[in-house]
């Protein structure tokens, strides 16, 4: 069940239209100004990756304690988590927040500039 997006040629705003079937000739009126002069857009999409896919693509921090196979700074978080777990120390909340943010793509400035 696709959701199509249309840009209004009159007001420039975007309208989303839900339909029960794929239809190449579908046209939807603007929900903001009511104009029938709309143009269908190519909608954006996202893909999630499993942990196994991320490790295959960017490397594993390693089981020997080294971080030599890391090809993506976001994987450093896995290495840090393993070290805290090995030492039996609770990870500080600030470190947890930084790791979670890095996994979402929000890297600290020093890492962004690499």
PDB file of N, CA and C in Angstrom:
ATOM      1  N   UNK A   1       0.842  -1.169   0.000  1.00  0.00           N
ATOM      2  CA  UNK A   1       0.000   0.000   0.000  1.00  0.00           C
ATOM      3  C   UNK A   1       0.892   1.239   0.000  1.00  0.00           C
ATOM      4  N   UNK A   2       1.076   1.828  -1.153  1.00  0.00           N
ATOM      5  CA  UNK A   2       2.010   2.954  -1.257  1.00  0.00           C
ATOM      6  C   UNK A   2       1.429   4.279  -0.758  1.00  0.00           C
ATOM      7  N   UNK A   3       2.332   5.123  -0.355  1.00  0.00           N
ATOM      8  CA  UNK A   3       2.009   6.503  -0.028  1.00  0.00           C
ATOM      9  C   UNK A   3       2.792   7.347  -1.021  1.00  0.00           C
ATOM     10  N   UNK A   4       2.078   8.106  -1.826  1.00  0.00           N
ATOM     11  CA  UNK A   4       2.709   8.962  -2.826  1.00  0.00           C
ATOM     12  C   UNK A   4       2.755  10.391  -2.301  1.00  0.00           C
ATOM     13  N   UNK A   5       3.769  11.128  -2.724  1.00  0.00           N
ATOM     14  CA  UNK A   5       3.891  12.542  -2.376  1.00  0.00           C
ATOM     15  C   UNK A   5       3.762  13.372  -3.646  1.00  0.00           C
ATOM     16  N   UNK A   6       3.072  14.502  -3.503  1.00  0.00           N
ATOM     17  CA  UNK A   6       2.851  15.406  -4.628  1.00  0.00           C
ATOM     18  C   UNK A   6       3.228  16.820  -4.210  1.00  0.00           C
ATOM     19  N   UNK A   7       3.868  17.555  -5.114  1.00  0.00           N
ATOM     20  CA  UNK A   7       4.165  18.970  -4.868  1.00  0.00           C
ATOM     21  C   UNK A   7       3.146  19.783  -5.662  1.00  0.00           C
ATOM     22  N   UNK A   8       2.530  20.745  -4.990  1.00  0.00           N
ATOM     23  CA  UNK A   8       1.555  21.616  -5.625  1.00  0.00           C
ATOM     24  C   UNK A   8       2.289  22.669  -6.462  1.00  0.00           C
ATOM     25  N   UNK A   9       1.902  22.803  -7.710  1.00  0.00           N
ATOM     26  CA  UNK A   9       2.526  23.792  -8.593  1.00  0.00           C
ATOM     27  C   UNK A   9       2.056  25.207  -8.249  1.00  0.00           C
ATOM     28  N   UNK A  10       0.926  25.333  -7.534  1.00  0.00           N
ATOM     29  CA  UNK A  10       0.411  26.660  -7.179  1.00  0.00           C
ATOM     30  C   UNK A  10       0.999  27.187  -5.868  1.00  0.00           C
ATOM     31  N   UNK A  11       0.943  26.385  -4.801  1.00  0.00           N
ATOM     32  CA  UNK A  11       1.427  26.871  -3.497  1.00  0.00           C
ATOM     33  C   UNK A  11       2.798  26.316  -3.122  1.00  0.00           C
ATOM     34  N   UNK A  12       3.273  25.264  -3.824  1.00  0.00           N
ATOM     35  CA  UNK A  12       4.592  24.713  -3.576  1.00  0.00           C
ATOM     36  C   UNK A  12       4.680  23.749  -2.402  1.00  0.00           C
ATOM     37  N   UNK A  13       3.591  23.491  -1.728  1.00  0.00           N
ATOM     38  CA  UNK A  13       3.620  22.603  -0.566  1.00  0.00           C
ATOM     39  C   UNK A  13       3.452  21.149  -0.992  1.00  0.00           C
ATOM     40  N   UNK A  14       3.813  20.252  -0.090  1.00  0.00           N
ATOM     41  CA  UNK A  14       3.777  18.817  -0.385  1.00  0.00           C
ATOM     42  C   UNK A  14       2.556  18.176   0.264  1.00  0.00           C
ATOM     43  N   UNK A  15       1.907  17.304  -0.500  1.00  0.00           N
ATOM     44  CA  UNK A  15       0.754  16.549  -0.047  1.00  0.00           C
ATOM     45  C   UNK A  15       1.080  15.071  -0.116  1.00  0.00           C
ATOM     46  N   UNK A  16       0.750  14.326   0.921  1.00  0.00           N
ATOM     47  CA  UNK A  16       0.921  12.875   0.907  1.00  0.00           C
ATOM     48  C   UNK A  16      -0.427  12.235   0.609  1.00  0.00           C
ATOM     49  N   UNK A  17      -0.402  11.192  -0.218  1.00  0.00           N
ATOM     50  CA  UNK A  17      -1.646  10.528  -0.602  1.00  0.00           C
ATOM     51  C   UNK A  17      -1.472   9.025  -0.449  1.00  0.00           C
ATOM     52  N   UNK A  18      -2.297   8.405   0.380  1.00  0.00           N
ATOM     53  CA  UNK A  18      -2.284   6.967   0.607  1.00  0.00           C
ATOM     54  C   UNK A  18      -3.233   6.308  -0.379  1.00  0.00           C
ATOM     55  N   UNK A  19      -2.805   5.207  -0.981  1.00  0.00           N
ATOM     56  CA  UNK A  19      -3.671   4.463  -1.900  1.00  0.00           C
ATOM     57  C   UNK A  19      -3.513   2.976  -1.637  1.00  0.00           C
ATOM     58  N   UNK A  20      -4.501   2.204  -2.003  1.00  0.00           N
ATOM     59  CA  UNK A  20      -4.465   0.760  -1.765  1.00  0.00           C
ATOM     60  C   UNK A  20      -3.764  -0.008  -2.879  1.00  0.00           C
ATOM     61  N   UNK A  21      -3.455   0.654  -3.989  1.00  0.00           N
ATOM     62  CA  UNK A  21      -2.774  -0.037  -5.087  1.00  0.00           C
ATOM     63  C   UNK A  21      -1.784   0.913  -5.755  1.00  0.00           C
ATOM     64  N   UNK A  22      -0.774   0.344  -6.358  1.00  0.00           N
ATOM     65  CA  UNK A  22       0.194   1.141  -7.102  1.00  0.00           C
ATOM     66  C   UNK A  22      -0.474   1.616  -8.388  1.00  0.00           C
ATOM     67  N   UNK A  23      -0.374   2.899  -8.662  1.00  0.00           N
ATOM     68  CA  UNK A  23      -1.029   3.463  -9.841  1.00  0.00           C
ATOM     69  C   UNK A  23      -0.159   4.566 -10.416  1.00  0.00           C
ATOM     70  N   UNK A  24       0.393   4.330 -11.593  1.00  0.00           N
ATOM     71  CA  UNK A  24       1.294   5.298 -12.215  1.00  0.00           C
ATOM     72  C   UNK A  24       0.573   6.568 -12.651  1.00  0.00           C
ATOM     73  N   UNK A  25      -0.725   6.484 -12.904  1.00  0.00           N
ATOM     74  CA  UNK A  25      -1.451   7.661 -13.397  1.00  0.00           C
ATOM     75  C   UNK A  25      -2.175   8.429 -12.291  1.00  0.00           C
ATOM     76  N   UNK A  26      -1.936   8.082 -11.056  1.00  0.00           N
ATOM     77  CA  UNK A  26      -2.604   8.717  -9.930  1.00  0.00           C
ATOM     78  C   UNK A  26      -2.275  10.206  -9.836  1.00  0.00           C
ATOM     79  N   UNK A  27      -3.273  11.014  -9.585  1.00  0.00           N
ATOM     80  CA  UNK A  27      -3.092  12.447  -9.329  1.00  0.00           C
ATOM     81  C   UNK A  27      -3.903  12.779  -8.083  1.00  0.00           C
ATOM     82  N   UNK A  28      -3.342  13.601  -7.216  1.00  0.00           N
ATOM     83  CA  UNK A  28      -4.032  13.959  -5.974  1.00  0.00           C
ATOM     84  C   UNK A  28      -4.089  15.470  -5.857  1.00  0.00           C
ATOM     85  N   UNK A  29      -5.214  16.013  -5.429  1.00  0.00           N
ATOM     86  CA  UNK A  29      -5.303  17.463  -5.241  1.00  0.00           C
ATOM     87  C   UNK A  29      -4.496  17.900  -4.024  1.00  0.00           C
ATOM     88  N   UNK A  30      -4.070  19.147  -4.023  1.00  0.00           N
ATOM     89  CA  UNK A  30      -3.312  19.700  -2.902  1.00  0.00           C
ATOM     90  C   UNK A  30      -4.219  19.784  -1.678  1.00  0.00           C
ATOM     91  N   UNK A  31      -3.759  19.232  -0.569  1.00  0.00           N
ATOM     92  CA  UNK A  31      -4.554  19.273   0.664  1.00  0.00           C
ATOM     93  C   UNK A  31      -4.482  20.634   1.351  1.00  0.00           C
ATOM     94  N   UNK A  32      -3.594  21.511   0.865  1.00  0.00           N
ATOM     95  CA  UNK A  32      -3.424  22.823   1.481  1.00  0.00           C
ATOM     96  C   UNK A  32      -4.249  23.903   0.781  1.00  0.00           C
ATOM     97  N   UNK A  33      -4.204  23.912  -0.559  1.00  0.00           N
ATOM     98  CA  UNK A  33      -4.924  24.967  -1.286  1.00  0.00           C
ATOM     99  C   UNK A  33      -6.020  24.423  -2.192  1.00  0.00           C
ATOM    100  N   UNK A  34      -6.089  23.092  -2.352  1.00  0.00           N
ATOM    101  CA  UNK A  34      -7.135  22.475  -3.150  1.00  0.00           C
ATOM    102  C   UNK A  34      -6.840  22.407  -4.644  1.00  0.00           C
ATOM    103  N   UNK A  35      -5.706  22.918  -5.085  1.00  0.00           N
ATOM    104  CA  UNK A  35      -5.364  22.921  -6.503  1.00  0.00           C
ATOM    105  C   UNK A  35      -5.215  21.496  -7.032  1.00  0.00           C
ATOM    106  N   UNK A  36      -5.636  21.288  -8.270  1.00  0.00           N
ATOM    107  CA  UNK A  36      -5.466  19.992  -8.932  1.00  0.00           C
ATOM    108  C   UNK A  36      -4.139  19.937  -9.680  1.00  0.00           C
ATOM    109  N   UNK A  37      -3.395  21.032  -9.689  1.00  0.00           N
ATOM    110  CA  UNK A  37      -2.132  21.131 -10.418  1.00  0.00           C
ATOM    111  C   UNK A  37      -0.986  20.651  -9.518  1.00  0.00           C
ATOM    112  N   UNK A  38      -0.870  19.315  -9.390  1.00  0.00           N
ATOM    113  CA  UNK A  38       0.174  18.727  -8.551  1.00  0.00           C
ATOM    114  C   UNK A  38       1.052  17.821  -9.406  1.00  0.00           C
ATOM    115  N   UNK A  39       2.286  17.628  -8.932  1.00  0.00           N
ATOM    116  CA  UNK A  39       3.257  16.785  -9.632  1.00  0.00           C
ATOM    117  C   UNK A  39       3.784  15.756  -8.645  1.00  0.00           C
ATOM    118  N   UNK A  40       3.779  14.479  -9.064  1.00  0.00           N
ATOM    119  CA  UNK A  40       4.227  13.407  -8.178  1.00  0.00           C
ATOM    120  C   UNK A  40       5.734  13.481  -7.981  1.00  0.00           C
ATOM    121  N   UNK A  41       6.173  13.286  -6.731  1.00  0.00           N
ATOM    122  CA  UNK A  41       7.588  13.336  -6.365  1.00  0.00           C
ATOM    123  C   UNK A  41       8.142  11.936  -6.151  1.00  0.00           C
ATOM    124  N   UNK A  42       9.446  11.826  -6.213  1.00  0.00           N
ATOM    125  CA  UNK A  42      10.115  10.591  -5.829  1.00  0.00           C
ATOM    126  C   UNK A  42      10.336  10.678  -4.326  1.00  0.00           C
ATOM    127  N   UNK A  43       9.731   9.776  -3.606  1.00  0.00           N
ATOM    128  CA  UNK A  43       9.808   9.798  -2.145  1.00  0.00           C
ATOM    129  C   UNK A  43      11.140   9.251  -1.660  1.00  0.00           C
ATOM    130  N   UNK A  44      11.607   9.785  -0.544  1.00  0.00           N
ATOM    131  CA  UNK A  44      12.829   9.270   0.064  1.00  0.00           C
ATOM    132  C   UNK A  44      12.506   8.003   0.841  1.00  0.00           C
ATOM    133  N   UNK A  45      13.521   7.219   1.116  1.00  0.00           N
ATOM    134  CA  UNK A  45      13.339   5.999   1.887  1.00  0.00           C
ATOM    135  C   UNK A  45      14.606   5.750   2.687  1.00  0.00           C
ATOM    136  N   UNK A  46      14.508   4.852   3.628  1.00  0.00           N
ATOM    137  CA  UNK A  46      15.661   4.503   4.467  1.00  0.00           C
ATOM    138  C   UNK A  46      15.794   2.990   4.514  1.00  0.00           C
ATOM    139  N   UNK A  47      16.990   2.548   4.757  1.00  0.00           N
ATOM    140  CA  UNK A  47      17.249   1.116   4.914  1.00  0.00           C
ATOM    141  C   UNK A  47      18.034   0.926   6.197  1.00  0.00           C
ATOM    142  N   UNK A  48      17.613  -0.018   7.015  1.00  0.00           N
ATOM    143  CA  UNK A  48      18.380  -0.309   8.219  1.00  0.00           C
ATOM    144  C   UNK A  48      19.302  -1.485   7.946  1.00  0.00           C
ATOM    145  N   UNK A  49      20.368  -1.523   8.699  1.00  0.00           N
ATOM    146  CA  UNK A  49      21.343  -2.589   8.567  1.00  0.00           C
ATOM    147  C   UNK A  49      21.387  -3.379   9.862  1.00  0.00           C
ATOM    148  N   UNK A  50      21.505  -4.683   9.737  1.00  0.00           N
ATOM    149  CA  UNK A  50      21.648  -5.517  10.928  1.00  0.00           C
ATOM    150  C   UNK A  50      23.046  -5.321  11.493  1.00  0.00           C
ATOM    151  N   UNK A  51      23.226  -5.730  12.720  1.00  0.00           N
ATOM    152  CA  UNK A  51      24.556  -5.634  13.341  1.00  0.00           C
ATOM    153  C   UNK A  51      25.572  -6.434  12.528  1.00  0.00           C
ATOM    154  N   UNK A  52      25.173  -7.609  12.029  1.00  0.00           N
ATOM    155  CA  UNK A  52      26.078  -8.443  11.230  1.00  0.00           C
ATOM    156  C   UNK A  52      26.495  -7.715   9.948  1.00  0.00           C
ATOM    157  N   UNK A  53      25.553  -7.020   9.310  1.00  0.00           N
ATOM    158  CA  UNK A  53      25.885  -6.272   8.088  1.00  0.00           C
ATOM    159  C   UNK A  53      26.845  -5.130   8.384  1.00  0.00           C
ATOM    160  N   UNK A  54      26.646  -4.451   9.503  1.00  0.00           N
ATOM    161  CA  UNK A  54      27.537  -3.354   9.881  1.00  0.00           C
ATOM    162  C   UNK A  54      28.940  -3.893  10.156  1.00  0.00           C
ATOM    163  N   UNK A  55      29.025  -5.000  10.888  1.00  0.00           N
ATOM    164  CA  UNK A  55      30.329  -5.581  11.187  1.00  0.00           C
ATOM    165  C   UNK A  55      31.029  -6.057   9.922  1.00  0.00           C
ATOM    166  N   UNK A  56      30.266  -6.629   8.995  1.00  0.00           N
ATOM    167  CA  UNK A  56      30.859  -7.083   7.736  1.00  0.00           C
ATOM    168  C   UNK A  56      31.376  -5.900   6.917  1.00  0.00           C
ATOM    169  N   UNK A  57      30.617  -4.841   6.910  1.00  0.00           N
ATOM    170  CA  UNK A  57      30.987  -3.677   6.093  1.00  0.00           C
ATOM    171  C   UNK A  57      32.105  -2.845   6.718  1.00  0.00           C
ATOM    172  N   UNK A  58      32.045  -2.628   8.034  1.00  0.00           N
ATOM    173  CA  UNK A  58      32.971  -1.696   8.679  1.00  0.00           C
ATOM    174  C   UNK A  58      34.015  -2.352   9.562  1.00  0.00           C
ATOM    175  N   UNK A  59      33.894  -3.641   9.783  1.00  0.00           N
ATOM    176  CA  UNK A  59      34.903  -4.310  10.593  1.00  0.00           C
ATOM    177  C   UNK A  59      34.449  -4.542  12.017  1.00  0.00           C
ATOM    178  N   UNK A  60      35.150  -5.469  12.644  1.00  0.00           N
ATOM    179  CA  UNK A  60      34.872  -5.841  14.026  1.00  0.00           C
ATOM    180  C   UNK A  60      35.993  -5.308  14.900  1.00  0.00           C
ATOM    181  N   UNK A  61      35.660  -4.713  16.034  1.00  0.00           N
ATOM    182  CA  UNK A  61      36.707  -4.202  16.908  1.00  0.00           C
ATOM    183  C   UNK A  61      37.690  -5.267  17.359  1.00  0.00           C
ATOM    184  N   UNK A  62      37.387  -6.525  17.148  1.00  0.00           N
ATOM    185  CA  UNK A  62      38.342  -7.589  17.485  1.00  0.00           C
ATOM    186  C   UNK A  62      38.087  -8.169  18.854  1.00  0.00           C
ATOM    187  N   UNK A  63      38.375  -9.432  18.980  1.00  0.00           N
ATOM    188  CA  UNK A  63      38.166 -10.107  20.261  1.00  0.00           C
ATOM    189  C   UNK A  63      39.429 -10.091  21.106  1.00  0.00           C
ATOM    190  N   UNK A  64      40.559  -9.706  20.496  1.00  0.00           N
ATOM    191  CA  UNK A  64      41.820  -9.710  21.242  1.00  0.00           C
ATOM    192  C   UNK A  64      42.070  -8.405  21.988  1.00  0.00           C
ATOM    193  N   UNK A  65      41.079  -7.488  21.936  1.00  0.00           N
ATOM    194  CA  UNK A  65      41.257  -6.211  22.634  1.00  0.00           C
ATOM    195  C   UNK A  65      41.792  -5.109  21.746  1.00  0.00           C
ATOM    196  N   UNK A  66      42.237  -5.459  20.546  1.00  0.00           N
ATOM    197  CA  UNK A  66      42.735  -4.424  19.639  1.00  0.00           C
ATOM    198  C   UNK A  66      41.575  -3.821  18.871  1.00  0.00           C
ATOM    199  N   UNK A  67      41.797  -2.677  18.314  1.00  0.00           N
ATOM    200  CA  UNK A  67      40.777  -2.019  17.495  1.00  0.00           C
ATOM    201  C   UNK A  67      41.337  -1.803  16.094  1.00  0.00           C
ATOM    202  N   UNK A  68      42.182  -2.741  15.646  1.00  0.00           N
ATOM    203  CA  UNK A  68      42.890  -2.544  14.380  1.00  0.00           C
ATOM    204  C   UNK A  68      42.019  -2.768  13.159  1.00  0.00           C
ATOM    205  N   UNK A  69      40.890  -3.469  13.294  1.00  0.00           N
ATOM    206  CA  UNK A  69      40.054  -3.755  12.133  1.00  0.00           C
ATOM    207  C   UNK A  69      38.866  -2.805  12.017  1.00  0.00           C
ATOM    208  N   UNK A  70      38.870  -1.715  12.743  1.00  0.00           N
ATOM    209  CA  UNK A  70      37.756  -0.776  12.691  1.00  0.00           C
ATOM    210  C   UNK A  70      37.948   0.142  11.491  1.00  0.00           C
ATOM    211  N   UNK A  71      36.944   0.160  10.602  1.00  0.00           N
ATOM    212  CA  UNK A  71      37.014   1.023   9.430  1.00  0.00           C
ATOM    213  C   UNK A  71      35.998   2.160   9.498  1.00  0.00           C
ATOM    214  N   UNK A  72      35.232   2.216  10.542  1.00  0.00           N
ATOM    215  CA  UNK A  72      34.229   3.249  10.719  1.00  0.00           C
ATOM    216  C   UNK A  72      34.281   3.695  12.182  1.00  0.00           C
ATOM    217  N   UNK A  73      34.409   4.996  12.440  1.00  0.00           N
ATOM    218  CA  UNK A  73      34.487   5.475  13.825  1.00  0.00           C
ATOM    219  C   UNK A  73      33.310   5.053  14.686  1.00  0.00           C
ATOM    220  N   UNK A  74      32.140   4.800  14.065  1.00  0.00           N
ATOM    221  CA  UNK A  74      30.981   4.380  14.852  1.00  0.00           C
ATOM    222  C   UNK A  74      31.212   3.032  15.513  1.00  0.00           C
ATOM    223  N   UNK A  75      32.134   2.208  14.981  1.00  0.00           N
ATOM    224  CA  UNK A  75      32.413   0.902  15.555  1.00  0.00           C
ATOM    225  C   UNK A  75      33.255   0.995  16.819  1.00  0.00           C
ATOM    226  N   UNK A  76      33.862   2.112  17.052  1.00  0.00           N
ATOM    227  CA  UNK A  76      34.652   2.284  18.268  1.00  0.00           C
ATOM    228  C   UNK A  76      33.766   2.072  19.493  1.00  0.00           C
ATOM    229  N   UNK A  77      32.487   2.434  19.374  1.00  0.00           N
ATOM    230  CA  UNK A  77      31.544   2.246  20.471  1.00  0.00           C
ATOM    231  C   UNK A  77      31.455   0.798  20.906  1.00  0.00           C
ATOM    232  N   UNK A  78      31.457  -0.141  19.948  1.00  0.00           N
ATOM    233  CA  UNK A  78      31.415  -1.567  20.292  1.00  0.00           C
ATOM    234  C   UNK A  78      32.652  -1.964  21.084  1.00  0.00           C
ATOM    235  N   UNK A  79      33.800  -1.451  20.663  1.00  0.00           N
ATOM    236  CA  UNK A  79      35.048  -1.749  21.364  1.00  0.00           C
ATOM    237  C   UNK A  79      34.990  -1.219  22.800  1.00  0.00           C
ATOM    238  N   UNK A  80      34.500   0.009  22.965  1.00  0.00           N
ATOM    239  CA  UNK A  80      34.405   0.623  24.299  1.00  0.00           C
ATOM    240  C   UNK A  80      33.439  -0.177  25.178  1.00  0.00           C
ATOM    241  N   UNK A  81      32.282  -0.562  24.606  1.00  0.00           N
ATOM    242  CA  UNK A  81      31.319  -1.351  25.380  1.00  0.00           C
ATOM    243  C   UNK A  81      31.941  -2.664  25.856  1.00  0.00           C
ATOM    244  N   UNK A  82      32.679  -3.333  24.983  1.00  0.00           N
ATOM    245  CA  UNK A  82      33.329  -4.592  25.375  1.00  0.00           C
ATOM    246  C   UNK A  82      34.333  -4.387  26.503  1.00  0.00           C
ATOM    247  N   UNK A  83      35.100  -3.297  26.429  1.00  0.00           N
ATOM    248  CA  UNK A  83      36.098  -3.056  27.471  1.00  0.00           C
ATOM    249  C   UNK A  83      35.431  -2.788  28.814  1.00  0.00           C
ATOM    250  N   UNK A  84      34.387  -1.963  28.847  1.00  0.00           N
ATOM    251  CA  UNK A  84      33.686  -1.698  30.112  1.00  0.00           C
ATOM    252  C   UNK A  84      33.122  -2.997  30.670  1.00  0.00           C
ATOM    253  N   UNK A  85      32.548  -3.822  29.794  1.00  0.00           N
ATOM    254  CA  UNK A  85      31.967  -5.091  30.223  1.00  0.00           C
ATOM    255  C   UNK A  85      33.039  -6.026  30.778  1.00  0.00           C
ATOM    256  N   UNK A  86      34.189  -6.105  30.089  1.00  0.00           N
ATOM    257  CA  UNK A  86      35.285  -6.963  30.550  1.00  0.00           C
ATOM    258  C   UNK A  86      35.788  -6.568  31.932  1.00  0.00           C
ATOM    259  N   UNK A  87      35.873  -5.278  32.175  1.00  0.00           N
ATOM    260  CA  UNK A  87      36.395  -4.783  33.453  1.00  0.00           C
ATOM    261  C   UNK A  87      35.328  -4.719  34.539  1.00  0.00           C
ATOM    262  N   UNK A  88      34.073  -5.009  34.165  1.00  0.00           N
ATOM    263  CA  UNK A  88      32.991  -4.999  35.141  1.00  0.00           C
ATOM    264  C   UNK A  88      32.666  -3.612  35.668  1.00  0.00           C
ATOM    265  N   UNK A  89      32.877  -2.615  34.841  1.00  0.00           N
ATOM    266  CA  UNK A  89      32.630  -1.223  35.235  1.00  0.00           C
ATOM    267  C   UNK A  89      31.376  -0.734  34.518  1.00  0.00           C
ATOM    268  N   UNK A  90      30.540   0.008  35.244  1.00  0.00           N
ATOM    269  CA  UNK A  90      29.369   0.610  34.612  1.00  0.00           C
ATOM    270  C   UNK A  90      29.816   1.747  33.708  1.00  0.00           C
ATOM    271  N   UNK A  91      29.296   1.750  32.498  1.00  0.00           N
ATOM    272  CA  UNK A  91      29.641   2.804  31.552  1.00  0.00           C
ATOM    273  C   UNK A  91      28.963   4.106  31.980  1.00  0.00           C
ATOM    274  N   UNK A  92      29.712   5.209  31.994  1.00  0.00           N
ATOM    275  CA  UNK A  92      29.097   6.501  32.331  1.00  0.00           C
ATOM    276  C   UNK A  92      27.999   6.856  31.319  1.00  0.00           C
ATOM    277  N   UNK A  93      26.961   7.501  31.794  1.00  0.00           N
ATOM    278  CA  UNK A  93      25.839   7.871  30.936  1.00  0.00           C
ATOM    279  C   UNK A  93      26.293   8.743  29.764  1.00  0.00           C
ATOM    280  N   UNK A  94      27.273   9.619  29.995  1.00  0.00           N
ATOM    281  CA  UNK A  94      27.753  10.494  28.918  1.00  0.00           C
ATOM    282  C   UNK A  94      28.398   9.672  27.799  1.00  0.00           C
ATOM    283  N   UNK A  95      29.112   8.597  28.164  1.00  0.00           N
ATOM    284  CA  UNK A  95      29.719   7.722  27.156  1.00  0.00           C
ATOM    285  C   UNK A  95      28.637   6.971  26.389  1.00  0.00           C
ATOM    286  N   UNK A  96      27.626   6.480  27.098  1.00  0.00           N
ATOM    287  CA  UNK A  96      26.503   5.777  26.463  1.00  0.00           C
ATOM    288  C   UNK A  96      25.813   6.695  25.450  1.00  0.00           C
ATOM    289  N   UNK A  97      25.550   7.951  25.846  1.00  0.00           N
ATOM    290  CA  UNK A  97      24.888   8.905  24.948  1.00  0.00           C
ATOM    291  C   UNK A  97      25.737   9.180  23.706  1.00  0.00           C
ATOM    292  N   UNK A  98      27.060   9.308  23.896  1.00  0.00           N
ATOM    293  CA  UNK A  98      27.952   9.582  22.770  1.00  0.00           C
ATOM    294  C   UNK A  98      27.984   8.395  21.800  1.00  0.00           C
ATOM    295  N   UNK A  99      28.025   7.174  22.326  1.00  0.00           N
ATOM    296  CA  UNK A  99      28.035   5.976  21.485  1.00  0.00           C
ATOM    297  C   UNK A  99      26.723   5.866  20.712  1.00  0.00           C
ATOM    298  N   UNK A 100      25.598   6.060  21.401  1.00  0.00           N
ATOM    299  CA  UNK A 100      24.298   5.978  20.733  1.00  0.00           C
ATOM    300  C   UNK A 100      24.172   7.040  19.639  1.00  0.00           C
ATOM    301  N   UNK A 101      24.645   8.244  19.910  1.00  0.00           N
ATOM    302  CA  UNK A 101      24.594   9.318  18.912  1.00  0.00           C
ATOM    303  C   UNK A 101      25.463   8.963  17.705  1.00  0.00           C
ATOM    304  N   UNK A 102      26.643   8.395  17.937  1.00  0.00           N
ATOM    305  CA  UNK A 102      27.534   8.008  16.838  1.00  0.00           C
ATOM    306  C   UNK A 102      26.890   6.936  15.972  1.00  0.00           C
ATOM    307  N   UNK A 103      26.173   6.012  16.582  1.00  0.00           N
ATOM    308  CA  UNK A 103      25.491   4.965  15.806  1.00  0.00           C
ATOM    309  C   UNK A 103      24.386   5.543  14.932  1.00  0.00           C
ATOM    310  N   UNK A 104      23.860   6.675  15.338  1.00  0.00           N
ATOM    311  CA  UNK A 104      22.838   7.346  14.539  1.00  0.00           C
ATOM    312  C   UNK A 104      23.455   8.269  13.493  1.00  0.00           C
ATOM    313  N   UNK A 105      24.799   8.366  13.495  1.00  0.00           N
ATOM    314  CA  UNK A 105      25.480   9.190  12.497  1.00  0.00           C
ATOM    315  C   UNK A 105      25.895  10.554  12.995  1.00  0.00           C
ATOM    316  N   UNK A 106      25.611  10.876  14.251  1.00  0.00           N
ATOM    317  CA  UNK A 106      25.998  12.166  14.829  1.00  0.00           C
ATOM    318  C   UNK A 106      27.356  12.004  15.505  1.00  0.00           C
ATOM    319  N   UNK A 107      28.414  12.187  14.719  1.00  0.00           N
ATOM    320  CA  UNK A 107      29.769  11.974  15.216  1.00  0.00           C
ATOM    321  C   UNK A 107      30.318  13.232  15.871  1.00  0.00           C
ATOM    322  N   UNK A 108      31.178  13.085  16.894  1.00  0.00           N
ATOM    323  CA  UNK A 108      31.811  14.249  17.514  1.00  0.00           C
ATOM    324  C   UNK A 108      32.680  14.994  16.485  1.00  0.00           C
ATOM    325  N   UNK A 109      32.868  16.300  16.676  1.00  0.00           N
ATOM    326  CA  UNK A 109      33.622  17.109  15.726  1.00  0.00           C
ATOM    327  C   UNK A 109      34.999  16.555  15.374  1.00  0.00           C
ATOM    328  N   UNK A 110      35.816  16.086  16.327  1.00  0.00           N
ATOM    329  CA  UNK A 110      37.138  15.569  15.949  1.00  0.00           C
ATOM    330  C   UNK A 110      37.054  14.389  14.969  1.00  0.00           C
ATOM    331  N   UNK A 111      36.006  13.552  15.097  1.00  0.00           N
ATOM    332  CA  UNK A 111      35.852  12.407  14.222  1.00  0.00           C
ATOM    333  C   UNK A 111      35.322  12.844  12.859  1.00  0.00           C
ATOM    334  N   UNK A 112      34.424  13.828  12.827  1.00  0.00           N
ATOM    335  CA  UNK A 112      33.862  14.315  11.566  1.00  0.00           C
ATOM    336  C   UNK A 112      34.950  14.870  10.660  1.00  0.00           C
ATOM    337  N   UNK A 113      35.991  15.415  11.244  1.00  0.00           N
ATOM    338  CA  UNK A 113      37.045  16.095  10.464  1.00  0.00           C
ATOM    339  C   UNK A 113      38.133  15.139   9.985  1.00  0.00           C
ATOM    340  N   UNK A 114      38.002  13.843  10.224  1.00  0.00           N
ATOM    341  CA  UNK A 114      39.015  12.885   9.788  1.00  0.00           C
ATOM    342  C   UNK A 114      38.981  12.707   8.289  1.00  0.00           C
TER     343      UNK A 114
END
